[in-house]
Amino acid sequence: MGSKSMFKYLLRRFIFLLVTYIVATTIVFILPRAIPGNPLSQILSGLSRVAQANPEAIRAAERTLMEEFGLGKPWYVQYFEFITKALRGDLGTSITFYPRKVIDLIIPVIPWTLILLLPATIVAWILGNSLGALAAYKRNTWIDKGVLTTSLIVSQIPYYWLGMIFIFLFGVKLGWLPVQGAYSQGTIPNLSWSFFVDVLKHYIMPFASIVVSAMGGWAIGMRLMVIYELGSDYAMFSEYLGMKDKRIFKYVFRNSLLPQITGLALSLGGVLGGALITEIVFNYPGTGYLLFRALTTLDYPLIQGIFVILIASIYLANFIVDFLYALIDPRIRLGQEA
């Protein structure tokens, strides 16, 4: 009976996520086309410089490109082709980097984004939750006030401000760290120790800016959750029974952690989108920076390709969280049947 209810629950969640995935990819298809401008203008301007004396050749090239990218077809035909190709794993050809395939542009930048965002997200989550729990445990002390005030200030600082402050302080003023890129210009990636040190130097500032800006939000959330749990019936009843504070806090911390784990899973599911502002500020070659270049040049296939992968990763993370929750707490799947 248990496995049957679990199967029904997961099937419903899968159908729901599939429907919302189609809706999300439809929006991704529509939005770039709503931006004014010609996506082929960059290629055509390059051709016009080469073939100024032959405008007919430029018009012929434009017709060829329109046909290749399917931009001259009705929107519903373009949409159908986009969906069917995406389901087959074909994300098309980039307009900006023509004739390179979109998938060949995305795959090389994914490792840089994962190396930067996965550790940064996890470190920010651990530090933020630890500080938030400590502040709640030491409520109304200088520790609580210090953590809360700092978290509020840090969480309200825009990403790009923090990044630029780091660049000015540690890159320009002190000259300790390089200010842009993932490694020095002219360096060929290899497995040597010197390349590792070079990557590490470029890594520190983007990593630190993400951790500092994200941990404030985690700390505030965890502090509120712990305070709420400390006021719940089971915590107060445990206190009346004479249970030690540390033991009560252990149970309270465990219960407060569940929503934060959900938030962590969703954050990890979205890391493939990259930290857009951070990657732009530091000129870091991740998926966020690639998306920025695609948006500025109206590269429809590249924009769609990045979002298709990003949305799929977020939905996969959602499905895993739903599965784990249903596995841990049977009330969730039984509640869906009621």
Protein backbone atom coordinates (compact mmCIF):
# COMPACT_ATOMS: atom_id res chain seq x y z
CA MET A 1 0.00 0.00 0.00
CA GLY A 2 2.89 2.25 0.88
CA SER A 3 4.69 1.72 -2.44
CA LYS A 4 1.39 2.18 -4.34
CA SER A 5 0.67 5.55 -2.70
CA MET A 6 4.28 6.59 -3.30
CA PHE A 7 4.01 5.67 -6.99
CA LYS A 8 0.74 7.63 -7.38
CA TYR A 9 2.24 10.64 -5.61
CA LEU A 10 5.38 10.67 -7.75
CA LEU A 11 3.36 10.13 -10.94
CA ARG A 12 1.20 13.17 -10.12
CA ARG A 13 4.29 15.26 -9.35
CA PHE A 14 5.96 14.13 -12.58
CA ILE A 15 2.90 15.05 -14.70
CA PHE A 16 2.64 18.42 -12.94
CA LEU A 17 6.33 19.18 -13.50
CA LEU A 18 6.12 18.06 -17.15
CA VAL A 19 3.18 20.41 -17.82
CA THR A 20 4.86 23.35 -16.08
CA TYR A 21 8.11 22.55 -17.96
CA ILE A 22 6.30 22.88 -21.28
CA VAL A 23 4.73 26.16 -20.11
CA ALA A 24 8.15 27.46 -18.98
CA THR A 25 9.87 26.53 -22.26
CA THR A 26 7.01 28.20 -24.15
CA ILE A 27 7.66 31.43 -22.26
CA VAL A 28 11.39 31.07 -23.03
CA PHE A 29 10.48 30.74 -26.72
CA ILE A 30 8.26 33.84 -26.68
CA LEU A 31 10.32 36.28 -24.60
CA PRO A 32 13.39 36.71 -26.86
CA ARG A 33 11.08 37.32 -29.83
CA ALA A 34 9.31 40.07 -27.90
CA ILE A 35 12.58 42.07 -27.72
CA PRO A 36 12.85 44.57 -30.60
CA GLY A 37 15.76 43.98 -33.00
CA ASN A 38 17.04 41.68 -35.70
CA PRO A 39 18.99 38.67 -34.35
CA LEU A 40 20.89 38.41 -37.64
CA SER A 41 22.09 42.02 -37.57
CA GLN A 42 25.54 41.13 -36.18
CA ILE A 43 26.27 38.59 -38.91
CA LEU A 44 24.87 40.83 -41.62
CA SER A 45 26.87 43.86 -40.48
CA GLY A 46 30.01 41.72 -40.66
CA LEU A 47 29.09 40.62 -44.19
CA SER A 48 28.34 44.17 -45.28
CA ARG A 49 31.87 45.22 -44.33
CA VAL A 50 33.31 42.42 -46.46
CA ALA A 51 30.96 42.76 -49.46
CA GLN A 52 30.10 46.42 -49.64
CA ALA A 53 30.19 46.41 -53.42
CA ASN A 54 27.77 43.54 -53.72
CA PRO A 55 24.49 44.22 -51.87
CA GLU A 56 22.81 41.34 -53.71
CA ALA A 57 25.24 38.93 -52.07
CA ILE A 58 24.25 40.33 -48.66
CA ARG A 59 20.53 39.91 -49.41
CA ALA A 60 21.18 36.35 -50.61
CA ALA A 61 23.12 35.64 -47.41
CA GLU A 62 20.26 37.07 -45.33
CA ARG A 63 17.74 34.82 -47.10
CA THR A 64 19.99 31.80 -46.53
CA LEU A 65 20.39 32.61 -42.83
CA MET A 66 16.66 33.27 -42.38
CA GLU A 67 15.96 29.87 -43.90
CA GLU A 68 18.64 28.09 -41.85
CA PHE A 69 17.43 29.52 -38.52
CA GLY A 70 13.77 29.22 -39.56
CA LEU A 71 13.11 32.87 -38.69
CA GLY A 72 10.97 33.42 -41.77
CA LYS A 73 8.52 30.67 -40.81
CA PRO A 74 5.26 31.30 -38.89
CA TRP A 75 5.80 31.42 -35.11
CA TYR A 76 3.84 28.22 -34.44
CA VAL A 77 6.05 26.30 -36.91
CA GLN A 78 9.16 27.71 -35.18
CA TYR A 79 7.72 26.73 -31.82
CA PHE A 80 6.92 23.17 -32.92
CA GLU A 81 10.43 22.73 -34.35
CA PHE A 82 11.96 24.18 -31.17
CA ILE A 83 10.06 21.76 -28.91
CA THR A 84 10.66 18.65 -31.06
CA LYS A 85 14.37 19.42 -31.47
CA ALA A 86 14.79 20.19 -27.76
CA LEU A 87 13.23 16.81 -26.87
CA ARG A 88 15.81 15.16 -29.14
CA GLY A 89 18.64 17.10 -27.47
CA ASP A 90 19.22 19.32 -30.53
CA LEU A 91 19.42 22.94 -29.32
CA GLY A 92 20.22 24.33 -32.76
CA THR A 93 23.02 26.57 -34.09
CA SER A 94 24.17 29.77 -32.42
CA ILE A 95 23.62 33.00 -34.34
CA THR A 96 26.40 34.96 -32.60
CA PHE A 97 28.98 32.17 -32.83
CA TYR A 98 27.74 30.84 -36.19
CA PRO A 99 28.20 28.04 -37.29
CA ARG A 100 28.93 26.55 -33.84
CA LYS A 101 26.25 24.38 -32.22
CA VAL A 102 24.58 25.70 -29.07
CA ILE A 103 25.30 22.54 -27.13
CA ASP A 104 29.03 22.86 -28.01
CA LEU A 105 29.05 26.37 -26.52
CA ILE A 106 27.19 25.46 -23.32
CA ILE A 107 29.05 22.27 -22.35
CA PRO A 108 32.56 23.86 -22.00
CA VAL A 109 31.29 26.64 -19.67
CA ILE A 110 29.21 24.38 -17.39
CA PRO A 111 32.28 23.08 -15.41
CA TRP A 112 33.36 26.67 -14.61
CA THR A 113 29.90 27.50 -13.30
CA LEU A 114 29.66 24.30 -11.27
CA ILE A 115 33.15 24.78 -9.79
CA LEU A 116 32.21 28.30 -8.71
CA LEU A 117 28.59 27.97 -7.62
CA LEU A 118 28.33 24.51 -6.06
CA PRO A 119 30.96 25.08 -3.32
CA ALA A 120 29.88 28.72 -2.86
CA THR A 121 26.21 27.78 -2.40
CA ILE A 122 26.99 24.98 0.04
CA VAL A 123 29.47 27.06 2.07
CA ALA A 124 27.02 29.99 2.25
CA TRP A 125 24.26 27.60 3.35
CA ILE A 126 26.38 26.01 6.11
CA LEU A 127 27.75 29.31 7.43
CA GLY A 128 24.40 31.13 7.18
CA ASN A 129 22.41 28.42 8.95
CA SER A 130 25.04 27.99 11.64
CA LEU A 131 25.11 31.72 12.37
CA GLY A 132 21.29 31.96 12.26
CA ALA A 133 20.89 29.07 14.70
CA LEU A 134 23.55 30.52 17.00
CA ALA A 135 21.82 33.94 16.97
CA ALA A 136 18.47 32.35 17.86
CA TYR A 137 20.06 30.28 20.65
CA LYS A 138 21.73 33.41 22.05
CA ARG A 139 18.64 35.54 21.48
CA ASN A 140 18.77 39.18 22.67
CA THR A 141 22.50 38.99 23.36
CA TRP A 142 25.24 40.88 21.51
CA ILE A 143 25.82 37.79 19.38
CA ASP A 144 22.20 37.80 18.20
CA LYS A 145 22.21 41.54 17.52
CA GLY A 146 25.56 41.37 15.74
CA VAL A 147 24.57 38.44 13.49
CA LEU A 148 21.14 39.90 12.70
CA THR A 149 22.44 43.39 11.90
CA THR A 150 25.30 42.09 9.76
CA SER A 151 23.02 39.66 7.94
CA LEU A 152 20.46 42.36 7.19
CA ILE A 153 23.13 44.69 5.82
CA VAL A 154 24.92 42.04 3.78
CA SER A 155 21.72 40.57 2.31
CA GLN A 156 20.65 44.01 1.06
CA ILE A 157 23.94 44.82 -0.69
CA PRO A 158 23.52 44.28 -4.45
CA TYR A 159 25.76 41.57 -5.96
CA TYR A 160 27.53 43.96 -8.29
CA TRP A 161 28.35 46.43 -5.50
CA LEU A 162 29.96 43.74 -3.42
CA GLY A 163 31.88 42.43 -6.43
CA MET A 164 33.13 45.89 -7.35
CA ILE A 165 34.13 46.62 -3.75
CA PHE A 166 36.19 43.41 -3.74
CA ILE A 167 37.75 44.29 -7.09
CA PHE A 168 38.68 47.80 -5.94
CA LEU A 169 40.00 46.67 -2.54
CA PHE A 170 41.81 43.38 -3.27
CA GLY A 171 42.45 43.76 -6.99
CA VAL A 172 43.21 47.44 -7.61
CA LYS A 173 44.21 48.93 -4.24
CA LEU A 174 46.10 46.03 -2.68
CA GLY A 175 46.90 44.16 -5.91
CA TRP A 176 46.57 40.78 -4.24
CA LEU A 177 44.19 39.12 -6.69
CA PRO A 178 43.40 39.25 -10.44
CA VAL A 179 40.22 41.15 -11.23
CA GLN A 180 38.73 39.18 -14.11
CA GLY A 181 38.58 35.83 -15.90
CA ALA A 182 38.96 32.28 -14.66
CA TYR A 183 42.70 32.17 -15.46
CA SER A 184 45.36 34.50 -16.90
CA GLN A 185 45.03 35.55 -20.51
CA GLY A 186 47.24 33.56 -22.86
CA THR A 187 47.34 30.57 -20.50
CA ILE A 188 46.36 27.19 -21.94
CA PRO A 189 44.34 25.11 -19.42
CA ASN A 190 46.37 22.13 -18.21
CA LEU A 191 46.79 19.93 -15.14
CA SER A 192 49.93 21.63 -13.78
CA TRP A 193 50.28 23.06 -10.27
CA SER A 194 50.96 26.56 -11.62
CA PHE A 195 47.68 26.53 -13.56
CA PHE A 196 45.81 25.35 -10.46
CA VAL A 197 47.26 28.25 -8.40
CA ASP A 198 46.39 30.68 -11.20
CA VAL A 199 42.76 29.43 -11.29
CA LEU A 200 42.58 29.62 -7.49
CA LYS A 201 43.68 33.28 -7.48
CA HIS A 202 40.98 34.15 -10.02
CA TYR A 203 38.46 32.07 -8.07
CA ILE A 204 38.70 33.69 -4.63
CA MET A 205 36.90 37.00 -5.24
CA PRO A 206 33.86 35.65 -7.19
CA PHE A 207 33.54 32.81 -4.65
CA ALA A 208 33.76 35.16 -1.64
CA SER A 209 31.27 37.66 -3.12
CA ILE A 210 28.67 34.90 -3.64
CA VAL A 211 29.20 33.43 -0.17
CA VAL A 212 29.03 36.78 1.64
CA SER A 213 25.95 37.99 -0.21
CA ALA A 214 24.05 34.68 0.15
CA MET A 215 24.83 33.73 3.74
CA GLY A 216 22.95 36.73 5.16
CA GLY A 217 19.64 35.48 3.77
CA TRP A 218 20.22 31.95 5.06
CA ALA A 219 21.11 33.30 8.54
CA ILE A 220 17.97 35.45 8.78
CA GLY A 221 15.75 32.58 7.65
CA MET A 222 17.30 30.08 10.04
CA ARG A 223 17.08 32.48 12.98
CA LEU A 224 13.35 32.98 12.39
CA MET A 225 12.72 29.25 12.00
CA VAL A 226 14.55 28.39 15.24
CA ILE A 227 12.74 31.12 17.19
CA TYR A 228 9.41 29.82 15.84
CA GLU A 229 10.27 26.24 16.81
CA LEU A 230 11.43 27.31 20.30
CA GLY A 231 7.93 28.71 20.88
CA SER A 232 6.16 25.54 19.70
CA ASP A 233 4.26 23.22 22.07
CA TYR A 234 6.76 20.36 22.01
CA ALA A 235 9.70 22.65 22.86
CA MET A 236 7.83 24.33 25.74
CA PHE A 237 6.57 20.98 27.03
CA SER A 238 10.11 19.59 26.93
CA GLU A 239 11.26 22.59 28.95
CA TYR A 240 8.53 22.00 31.57
CA LEU A 241 9.71 18.40 31.85
CA GLY A 242 13.15 19.70 32.77
CA MET A 243 14.94 18.68 29.60
CA LYS A 244 18.29 20.41 29.12
CA ASP A 245 18.40 23.43 26.82
CA LYS A 246 21.05 21.91 24.57
CA ARG A 247 18.94 18.81 23.99
CA ILE A 248 15.80 20.86 23.22
CA PHE A 249 17.84 23.00 20.87
CA LYS A 250 19.09 19.88 19.11
CA TYR A 251 15.48 18.85 18.24
CA VAL A 252 14.52 22.42 17.36
CA PHE A 253 17.54 22.78 15.06
CA ARG A 254 16.73 19.53 13.29
CA ASN A 255 13.12 20.58 12.62
CA SER A 256 14.16 24.06 11.52
CA LEU A 257 16.60 22.60 9.03
CA LEU A 258 13.98 20.90 6.83
CA PRO A 259 12.76 24.06 4.98
CA GLN A 260 16.37 25.19 4.61
CA ILE A 261 17.24 21.87 2.96
CA THR A 262 14.44 22.49 0.47
CA GLY A 263 15.86 25.93 -0.25
CA LEU A 264 19.35 24.45 -0.68
CA ALA A 265 18.07 21.82 -3.13
CA LEU A 266 16.34 24.48 -5.22
CA SER A 267 19.44 26.68 -5.13
CA LEU A 268 21.62 23.77 -6.27
CA GLY A 269 19.09 22.99 -9.01
CA GLY A 270 19.51 26.50 -10.34
CA VAL A 271 23.31 26.69 -10.32
CA LEU A 272 23.56 25.87 -14.04
CA GLY A 273 22.04 29.27 -14.70
CA GLY A 274 25.18 30.74 -13.21
CA ALA A 275 25.48 33.79 -11.00
CA LEU A 276 24.73 36.20 -13.83
CA ILE A 277 25.85 39.46 -12.20
CA THR A 278 28.90 37.93 -10.51
CA GLU A 279 30.07 36.34 -13.75
CA ILE A 280 29.58 39.62 -15.63
CA VAL A 281 31.40 41.70 -13.00
CA PHE A 282 34.36 39.30 -12.88
CA ASN A 283 34.21 38.38 -16.59
CA TYR A 284 34.00 34.77 -15.42
CA PRO A 285 33.41 32.31 -18.31
CA GLY A 286 30.34 30.51 -16.91
CA THR A 287 26.80 29.92 -18.18
CA GLY A 288 25.63 33.23 -16.68
CA TYR A 289 28.18 35.18 -18.70
CA LEU A 290 27.30 33.19 -21.83
CA LEU A 291 23.62 33.98 -21.25
CA PHE A 292 24.46 37.68 -20.93
CA ARG A 293 26.25 37.62 -24.31
CA ALA A 294 23.33 35.75 -25.86
CA LEU A 295 20.83 38.32 -24.55
CA THR A 296 22.82 41.31 -25.75
CA THR A 297 23.05 39.87 -29.29
CA LEU A 298 19.51 38.42 -29.42
CA ASP A 299 20.91 34.96 -30.07
CA TYR A 300 17.56 33.12 -29.89
CA PRO A 301 18.93 29.54 -30.10
CA LEU A 302 21.58 30.18 -27.44
CA ILE A 303 19.13 31.91 -25.06
CA GLN A 304 16.65 29.06 -25.49
CA GLY A 305 19.33 26.39 -25.09
CA ILE A 306 20.65 27.80 -21.80
CA PHE A 307 17.15 28.18 -20.37
CA VAL A 308 16.08 24.68 -21.48
CA ILE A 309 18.99 23.19 -19.53
CA LEU A 310 18.50 25.56 -16.57
CA ILE A 311 14.77 24.87 -16.23
CA ALA A 312 15.33 21.11 -16.58
CA SER A 313 17.91 21.20 -13.74
CA ILE A 314 15.55 23.17 -11.47
CA TYR A 315 12.67 20.80 -12.14
CA LEU A 316 14.87 17.77 -11.58
CA ALA A 317 15.90 19.24 -8.20
CA ASN A 318 12.20 19.81 -7.38
CA PHE A 319 11.36 16.22 -8.22
CA ILE A 320 14.20 14.88 -6.06
CA VAL A 321 13.06 17.08 -3.14
CA ASP A 322 9.47 15.85 -3.54
CA PHE A 323 10.68 12.26 -3.55
CA LEU A 324 12.83 12.70 -0.44
CA TYR A 325 10.03 14.49 1.43
CA ALA A 326 7.52 11.76 0.57
CA LEU A 327 10.06 9.15 1.63
CA ILE A 328 10.77 10.84 4.97
CA ASP A 329 7.21 11.95 5.80
CA PRO A 330 4.33 9.60 4.70
CA ARG A 331 1.80 12.33 5.61
CA ILE A 332 2.79 14.22 2.47
CA ARG A 333 1.91 11.47 -0.01
CA LEU A 334 -1.16 10.35 2.02
CA GLY A 335 -2.31 13.97 2.25
CA GLN A 336 -2.31 14.16 -1.54
CA GLU A 337 -4.75 11.22 -1.70
CA ALA A 338 -7.17 12.66 0.86
